[in-house]
C-alpha atoms as a PDB file:
ATOM      1  CA  MET A   1     -22.932  11.374  -7.946  1.00  0.00           C
ATOM      2  CA  THR A   2     -22.826  14.290 -10.555  1.00  0.00           C
ATOM      3  CA  ALA A   3     -22.058  13.329 -13.992  1.00  0.00           C
ATOM      4  CA  LEU A   4     -18.858  15.038 -15.779  1.00  0.00           C
ATOM      5  CA  PRO A   5     -19.944  17.973 -17.603  1.00  0.00           C
ATOM      6  CA  ASN A   6     -19.440  18.455 -21.476  1.00  0.00           C
ATOM      7  CA  ILE A   7     -15.794  18.710 -21.562  1.00  0.00           C
ATOM      8  CA  GLY A   8     -15.587  17.124 -25.044  1.00  0.00           C
ATOM      9  CA  ALA A   9     -14.981  13.582 -26.239  1.00  0.00           C
ATOM     10  CA  PRO A  10     -11.188  13.335 -25.948  1.00  0.00           C
ATOM     11  CA  ALA A  11     -11.187  14.863 -22.494  1.00  0.00           C
ATOM     12  CA  THR A  12     -14.123  12.515 -21.195  1.00  0.00           C
ATOM     13  CA  ARG A  13     -12.443   9.376 -22.506  1.00  0.00           C
ATOM     14  CA  ALA A  14      -9.275  10.242 -20.956  1.00  0.00           C
ATOM     15  CA  LEU A  15     -10.786  10.736 -17.674  1.00  0.00           C
ATOM     16  CA  THR A  16     -12.979   7.728 -18.073  1.00  0.00           C
ATOM     17  CA  SER A  17     -10.072   5.457 -18.697  1.00  0.00           C
ATOM     18  CA  GLU A  18      -8.459   6.696 -15.452  1.00  0.00           C
ATOM     19  CA  GLY A  19     -11.832   5.552 -13.572  1.00  0.00           C
ATOM     20  CA  ILE A  20     -12.902   9.146 -13.124  1.00  0.00           C
ATOM     21  CA  THR A  21     -16.445   9.155 -13.975  1.00  0.00           C
ATOM     22  CA  THR A  22     -18.099  11.763 -11.939  1.00  0.00           C
ATOM     23  CA  LEU A  23     -17.329  15.312 -10.885  1.00  0.00           C
ATOM     24  CA  GLU A  24     -16.919  13.912  -7.164  1.00  0.00           C
ATOM     25  CA  SER A  25     -14.208  11.830  -8.493  1.00  0.00           C
ATOM     26  CA  VAL A  26     -12.266  14.468  -9.923  1.00  0.00           C
ATOM     27  CA  ALA A  27     -12.422  16.701  -6.781  1.00  0.00           C
ATOM     28  CA  GLY A  28      -8.869  16.888  -5.012  1.00  0.00           C
ATOM     29  CA  ARG A  29      -6.968  15.538  -7.896  1.00  0.00           C
ATOM     30  CA  PRO A  30      -4.072  17.953  -9.102  1.00  0.00           C
ATOM     31  CA  ALA A  31      -4.839  19.937 -12.405  1.00  0.00           C
ATOM     32  CA  ARG A  32      -1.327  19.116 -13.431  1.00  0.00           C
ATOM     33  CA  ARG A  33      -1.876  15.212 -13.412  1.00  0.00           C
ATOM     34  CA  LEU A  34      -5.310  15.822 -15.225  1.00  0.00           C
ATOM     35  CA  LEU A  35      -3.510  17.877 -17.716  1.00  0.00           C
ATOM     36  CA  ALA A  36      -0.982  15.196 -18.291  1.00  0.00           C
ATOM     37  CA  LEU A  37      -3.738  12.858 -19.590  1.00  0.00           C
ATOM     38  CA  HIS A  38      -3.792  12.745 -23.501  1.00  0.00           C
ATOM     39  CA  GLY A  39      -7.005  14.875 -24.603  1.00  0.00           C
ATOM     40  CA  VAL A  40      -7.415  16.914 -21.243  1.00  0.00           C
ATOM     41  CA  GLY A  41      -6.452  20.562 -21.887  1.00  0.00           C
ATOM     42  CA  PRO A  42      -6.943  23.853 -20.013  1.00  0.00           C
ATOM     43  CA  ARG A  43     -10.356  24.101 -21.382  1.00  0.00           C
ATOM     44  CA  ALA A  44     -11.433  21.010 -19.783  1.00  0.00           C
ATOM     45  CA  ILE A  45      -9.808  22.088 -16.656  1.00  0.00           C
ATOM     46  CA  ARG A  46     -11.538  25.130 -16.352  1.00  0.00           C
ATOM     47  CA  ILE A  47     -14.944  23.740 -17.124  1.00  0.00           C
ATOM     48  CA  LEU A  48     -14.261  21.306 -14.368  1.00  0.00           C
ATOM     49  CA  THR A  49     -13.097  23.661 -11.913  1.00  0.00           C
ATOM     50  CA  GLU A  50     -16.340  25.831 -12.772  1.00  0.00           C
ATOM     51  CA  ALA A  51     -18.570  22.812 -12.187  1.00  0.00           C
ATOM     52  CA  LEU A  52     -16.864  21.792  -8.874  1.00  0.00           C
ATOM     53  CA  GLU A  53     -17.326  25.355  -7.498  1.00  0.00           C
ATOM     54  CA  PHE A  54     -20.897  25.244  -8.779  1.00  0.00           C
ATOM     55  CA  LEU A  55     -21.383  22.037  -6.857  1.00  0.00           C
ATOM     56  CA  ASP A  56     -19.749  23.161  -3.721  1.00  0.00           C
ATOM     57  CA  LEU A  57     -22.039  26.376  -3.772  1.00  0.00           C
ATOM     58  CA  ALA A  58     -25.143  24.307  -4.492  1.00  0.00           C
ATOM     59  CA  LEU A  59     -24.191  21.832  -1.450  1.00  0.00           C
ATOM     60  CA  GLU A  60     -23.617  25.114   0.982  1.00  0.00           C
ATOM     61  CA  LEU A  61     -26.957  26.435  -0.259  1.00  0.00           C
ATOM     62  CA  LEU A  62     -28.710  23.164   0.507  1.00  0.00           C
ATOM     63  CA  GLU A  63     -26.921  22.770   3.991  1.00  0.00           C
ATOM     64  CA  GLY A  64     -27.836  26.406   4.618  1.00  0.00           C
ATOM     65  CA  LEU A  65     -31.683  25.621   3.924  1.00  0.00           C
ATOM     66  CA  LEU A  66     -31.282  22.573   6.162  1.00  0.00           C
ATOM     67  CA  GLU A  67     -29.944  24.946   8.884  1.00  0.00           C
ATOM     68  CA  VAL A  68     -32.574  27.418   8.576  1.00  0.00           C
ATOM     69  CA  GLN A  69     -35.189  24.650   9.100  1.00  0.00           C
ATOM     70  CA  ARG A  70     -33.229  23.208  12.086  1.00  0.00           C
ATOM     71  CA  ILE A  71     -33.170  26.620  13.722  1.00  0.00           C
ATOM     72  CA  ARG A  72     -36.925  27.011  13.065  1.00  0.00           C
ATOM     73  CA  GLY A  73     -37.784  23.711  14.279  1.00  0.00           C
ATOM     74  CA  ARG A  74     -39.657  22.485  11.214  1.00  0.00           C
ATOM     75  CA  GLY A  75     -38.747  19.161   9.620  1.00  0.00           C
ATOM     76  CA  HIS A  76     -36.154  18.120  11.948  1.00  0.00           C
ATOM     77  CA  GLY A  77     -33.621  18.632   9.430  1.00  0.00           C
ATOM     78  CA  GLN A  78     -35.477  17.498   6.334  1.00  0.00           C
ATOM     79  CA  LEU A  79     -35.843  19.913   3.349  1.00  0.00           C
ATOM     80  CA  CYS A  80     -39.200  21.177   2.853  1.00  0.00           C
ATOM     81  CA  LEU A  81     -39.863  23.260  -0.324  1.00  0.00           C
ATOM     82  CA  ALA A  82     -43.776  23.465   0.062  1.00  0.00           C
END
């Protein structure tokens, strides 16, 4: 699980009070509902969106590396960075 990025104390408190404590728990929630929370503004939404996009890209890169290793027959799907 990925911690929430630095979105400011009011926004973090607002999300935490709703049980949203990780970046993954933000995924799929409508921005308009998050914006309705006192303390969550456009800046927090932008930072959360960028972090989710980065996380998705990081996961895609990791999956791509694993696929390359499977194709090469090394590591049987395990990531080896040696």
